[in-house]
Protein backbone atom coordinates (compact mmCIF):
# COMPACT_ATOMS: atom_id res chain seq x y z
CA UNK A 1 35.38 -29.87 -58.84
CA UNK A 2 37.51 -31.15 -56.13
CA UNK A 3 38.90 -27.48 -55.60
CA UNK A 4 35.16 -26.25 -55.33
CA UNK A 5 33.99 -29.17 -52.77
CA UNK A 6 37.02 -27.84 -50.65
CA UNK A 7 36.13 -24.49 -51.13
CA UNK A 8 32.97 -25.21 -49.93
CA UNK A 9 33.83 -27.47 -46.98
CA UNK A 10 36.33 -24.44 -45.67
CA UNK A 11 33.35 -22.01 -45.92
CA UNK A 12 30.94 -24.54 -43.93
CA UNK A 13 33.50 -25.27 -41.11
CA UNK A 14 34.25 -21.48 -40.80
CA UNK A 15 30.06 -21.19 -41.05
CA UNK A 16 30.57 -24.43 -38.10
CA UNK A 17 32.85 -22.58 -35.82
CA UNK A 18 31.43 -19.21 -35.80
CA UNK A 19 27.97 -21.01 -35.07
CA UNK A 20 29.69 -22.83 -32.04
CA UNK A 21 31.03 -19.24 -30.73
CA UNK A 22 27.83 -17.77 -30.90
CA UNK A 23 25.82 -20.52 -30.03
CA UNK A 24 28.48 -20.02 -26.95
CA UNK A 25 28.19 -16.48 -26.46
CA UNK A 26 24.33 -17.15 -26.17
CA UNK A 27 24.77 -19.97 -23.76
CA UNK A 28 26.30 -17.37 -21.44
CA UNK A 29 24.18 -14.73 -21.91
CA UNK A 30 20.89 -17.25 -21.07
CA UNK A 31 22.45 -18.50 -17.83
CA UNK A 32 23.66 -14.80 -17.01
CA UNK A 33 19.71 -14.05 -17.65
CA UNK A 34 18.42 -16.80 -15.79
CA UNK A 35 20.61 -15.87 -12.97
CA UNK A 36 19.62 -12.17 -12.95
CA UNK A 37 16.02 -13.47 -12.87
CA UNK A 38 16.94 -15.61 -9.85
CA UNK A 39 18.40 -12.44 -8.22
CA UNK A 40 15.12 -10.12 -9.20
CA UNK A 41 12.87 -13.26 -7.50
CA UNK A 42 14.86 -12.88 -4.26
CA UNK A 43 14.99 -9.42 -3.83
CA UNK A 44 11.44 -9.19 -4.56
CA UNK A 45 10.78 -11.71 -1.95
CA UNK A 46 12.78 -9.73 0.81
CA UNK A 47 11.31 -6.52 -0.22
CA UNK A 48 8.24 -7.88 0.52
CA UNK A 49 9.38 -9.29 4.02
CA UNK A 50 10.98 -5.54 4.65
CA UNK A 51 7.34 -4.28 3.62
CA UNK A 52 5.65 -6.26 6.15
CA UNK A 53 8.20 -5.56 8.95
CA UNK A 54 7.65 -1.79 8.17
CA UNK A 55 4.11 -1.85 8.32
CA UNK A 56 4.42 -3.90 11.49
CA UNK A 57 6.81 -1.44 13.11
CA UNK A 58 4.61 1.53 11.79
CA UNK A 59 1.43 -0.06 14.02
CA UNK A 60 3.88 -0.18 16.83
CA UNK A 61 4.82 3.27 16.50
CA UNK A 62 1.06 4.58 16.24
CA UNK A 63 0.51 2.33 19.07
CA UNK A 64 3.06 4.06 20.96
CA UNK A 65 2.39 7.48 20.17
CA UNK A 66 -1.82 7.11 20.91
CA UNK A 67 -0.40 5.76 24.59
CA UNK A 68 0.51 9.28 25.92
CA UNK A 69 -2.75 10.84 24.62
CA UNK A 70 -4.56 7.72 26.19
CA UNK A 71 -2.82 8.60 29.39
CA UNK A 72 -3.77 12.27 28.95
CA UNK A 73 -7.19 11.29 28.46
CA UNK A 74 -7.44 9.05 31.37
CA UNK A 75 -6.10 11.93 33.41
CA UNK A 76 -8.46 14.52 32.22
CA UNK A 77 -11.24 12.39 32.84
CA UNK A 78 -10.23 11.97 36.56
CA UNK A 79 -9.93 15.20 37.17
CA UNK A 80 -13.02 16.23 36.05
CA UNK A 81 -14.58 13.50 38.08
CA UNK A 82 -12.93 15.20 40.96
CA UNK A 83 -14.14 18.57 40.25
CA UNK A 84 -17.53 17.63 39.53
CA UNK A 85 -17.52 15.35 42.72
CA UNK A 86 -16.02 18.86 44.76
CA UNK A 87 -18.83 20.52 42.84
CA UNK A 88 -21.10 18.16 44.32
CA UNK A 89 -19.94 18.21 47.61
CA UNK A 90 -19.69 21.95 48.02
CA UNK A 91 -23.26 21.85 46.62
CA UNK A 92 -24.52 19.46 49.33
CA UNK A 93 -22.50 20.99 52.21
CA UNK A 94 -23.63 24.45 51.42
CA UNK A 95 -27.47 23.41 50.39
CA UNK A 96 -27.57 21.66 53.74
CA UNK A 97 -26.28 25.22 55.60
CA UNK A 98 -28.92 27.18 54.12
């Protein structure tokens, strides 16, 4: 009977030792997963910041691209006004001589 108990105790000690190793491995895995989750959270935050910066840069680029177009439109408007004024002046001066 004593040998049977000794065998059982030895088996239990081996199982306890194995379980302690497995629990240690699980704790390490859990810590690794926690660090990974934290890193992903930080990356997501940084990605949002980058996305906002890119959106602002896109808006600025659009404004810069529109600026020459606005200048050109303004120039065309002024040229058309000058031509219209010249035409009206021509008509008035020519009409006065008829």
